[in-house]
C-alpha atoms as a PDB file:
ATOM      1  CA  MET A   1      -0.161  -0.244   0.015  1.00  0.00           C
ATOM      2  CA  SER A   2       1.388   3.226  -1.056  1.00  0.00           C
ATOM      3  CA  ALA A   3       1.921   6.063   1.706  1.00  0.00           C
ATOM      4  CA  ALA A   4      -1.167   8.551  -0.425  1.00  0.00           C
ATOM      5  CA  PHE A   5      -3.703   5.452   0.462  1.00  0.00           C
ATOM      6  CA  ALA A   6      -2.540   4.473   3.990  1.00  0.00           C
ATOM      7  CA  SER A   7      -2.229   8.643   4.926  1.00  0.00           C
ATOM      8  CA  ASP A   8      -5.543   9.374   2.747  1.00  0.00           C
ATOM      9  CA  GLY A   9      -7.469  10.099   6.223  1.00  0.00           C
ATOM     10  CA  ASP A  10      -4.859  11.972   7.757  1.00  0.00           C
ATOM     11  CA  LEU A  11      -4.036  14.132   4.480  1.00  0.00           C
ATOM     12  CA  GLN A  12      -7.844  15.211   4.903  1.00  0.00           C
ATOM     13  CA  ARG A  13      -7.410  15.733   8.935  1.00  0.00           C
ATOM     14  CA  VAL A  14      -4.774  17.918   7.499  1.00  0.00           C
ATOM     15  CA  LEU A  15      -6.669  19.587   4.941  1.00  0.00           C
ATOM     16  CA  LEU A  16      -9.319  20.353   7.146  1.00  0.00           C
ATOM     17  CA  GLU A  17      -6.932  21.987  10.189  1.00  0.00           C
ATOM     18  CA  ARG A  18      -6.200  24.060   8.067  1.00  0.00           C
ATOM     19  CA  GLY A  19      -9.443  25.430   6.998  1.00  0.00           C
ATOM     20  CA  CYS A  20      -9.063  23.914   3.292  1.00  0.00           C
ATOM     21  CA  VAL A  21     -12.301  22.416   2.180  1.00  0.00           C
ATOM     22  CA  THR A  22     -12.961  21.726  -1.338  1.00  0.00           C
ATOM     23  CA  PRO A  23      -8.736  21.739  -2.162  1.00  0.00           C
ATOM     24  CA  GLY A  24      -7.820  20.843  -5.790  1.00  0.00           C
ATOM     25  CA  ILE A  25      -4.507  18.470  -4.747  1.00  0.00           C
ATOM     26  CA  GLU A  26      -1.182  18.179  -6.796  1.00  0.00           C
ATOM     27  CA  THR A  27       1.074  15.237  -6.126  1.00  0.00           C
ATOM     28  CA  VAL A  28       4.347  16.847  -6.366  1.00  0.00           C
ATOM     29  CA  LEU A  29       7.124  14.602  -5.084  1.00  0.00           C
ATOM     30  CA  LYS A  30       6.957  10.147  -4.998  1.00  0.00           C
ATOM     31  CA  GLN A  31       9.849   9.205  -3.141  1.00  0.00           C
ATOM     32  CA  SER A  32      10.160   5.618  -1.682  1.00  0.00           C
ATOM     33  CA  SER A  33       7.717   6.232   1.110  1.00  0.00           C
ATOM     34  CA  LEU A  34       7.219   9.846   1.307  1.00  0.00           C
ATOM     35  CA  VAL A  35       4.725  11.370  -1.044  1.00  0.00           C
ATOM     36  CA  ALA A  36       4.174  15.724  -1.074  1.00  0.00           C
ATOM     37  CA  TYR A  37       1.583  17.283  -2.417  1.00  0.00           C
ATOM     38  CA  ARG A  38       0.405  20.680  -2.808  1.00  0.00           C
ATOM     39  CA  ALA A  39      -2.951  21.452  -2.326  1.00  0.00           C
ATOM     40  CA  ASN A  40      -4.787  24.679  -3.737  1.00  0.00           C
ATOM     41  CA  CYS A  41      -7.548  25.728  -1.240  1.00  0.00           C
ATOM     42  CA  ILE A  42     -10.497  27.535  -3.087  1.00  0.00           C
ATOM     43  CA  GLY A  43     -12.475  30.263  -0.889  1.00  0.00           C
ATOM     44  CA  THR A  44     -13.309  33.376   0.242  1.00  0.00           C
ATOM     45  CA  SER A  45      -9.283  33.231   1.443  1.00  0.00           C
ATOM     46  CA  PRO A  46      -7.657  31.195  -0.831  1.00  0.00           C
ATOM     47  CA  LYS A  47      -4.235  29.688   0.169  1.00  0.00           C
ATOM     48  CA  VAL A  48      -1.625  27.128  -1.022  1.00  0.00           C
ATOM     49  CA  ILE A  49      -0.594  24.401   1.825  1.00  0.00           C
ATOM     50  CA  ASP A  50       2.015  22.207   1.238  1.00  0.00           C
ATOM     51  CA  ILE A  51       2.010  18.498   2.563  1.00  0.00           C
ATOM     52  CA  VAL A  52       4.365  16.106   3.354  1.00  0.00           C
ATOM     53  CA  CYS A  53       2.809  12.395   4.295  1.00  0.00           C
ATOM     54  CA  THR A  54       5.098   9.100   4.889  1.00  0.00           C
ATOM     55  CA  GLU A  55       3.722   5.505   6.549  1.00  0.00           C
ATOM     56  CA  HIS A  56       3.350   7.849   9.797  1.00  0.00           C
ATOM     57  CA  GLY A  57       1.162  10.568   9.107  1.00  0.00           C
ATOM     58  CA  CYS A  58       0.783  13.615   7.229  1.00  0.00           C
ATOM     59  CA  SER A  59       1.724  16.776   8.266  1.00  0.00           C
ATOM     60  CA  ALA A  60       1.405  20.424   6.320  1.00  0.00           C
ATOM     61  CA  ALA A  61       4.898  22.342   6.169  1.00  0.00           C
ATOM     62  CA  ALA A  62       5.654  25.469   7.926  1.00  0.00           C
ATOM     63  CA  PRO A  63       4.317  28.781   5.754  1.00  0.00           C
ATOM     64  CA  GLY A  64       7.156  30.835   4.356  1.00  0.00           C
ATOM     65  CA  PRO A  65       7.429  34.401   5.371  1.00  0.00           C
ATOM     66  CA  PRO A  66       4.724  36.482   3.206  1.00  0.00           C
ATOM     67  CA  GLN A  67       6.137  37.363  -0.237  1.00  0.00           C
ATOM     68  CA  ALA A  68       6.164  41.183  -0.886  1.00  0.00           C
ATOM     69  CA  GLU A  69       4.247  42.233  -3.613  1.00  0.00           C
ATOM     70  CA  SER A  70       6.153  44.342  -6.215  1.00  0.00           C
ATOM     71  CA  GLN A  71       4.439  47.830  -7.403  1.00  0.00           C
END
């Protein structure tokens, strides 16, 4: 069983904890038992969440500093 299937419930938990109810999910890396996803959360405050899953569970990457908008 792959990490993605083993952690599907945990992946959903991370998304809900981050307020991401209707995400578009893209797999960005598969390596051995590690799978990294990028979730594009659609809603009133759109955001992107990077999530890493292993056979032990999933966790969201810590957000980076806000990007300054160029004028």
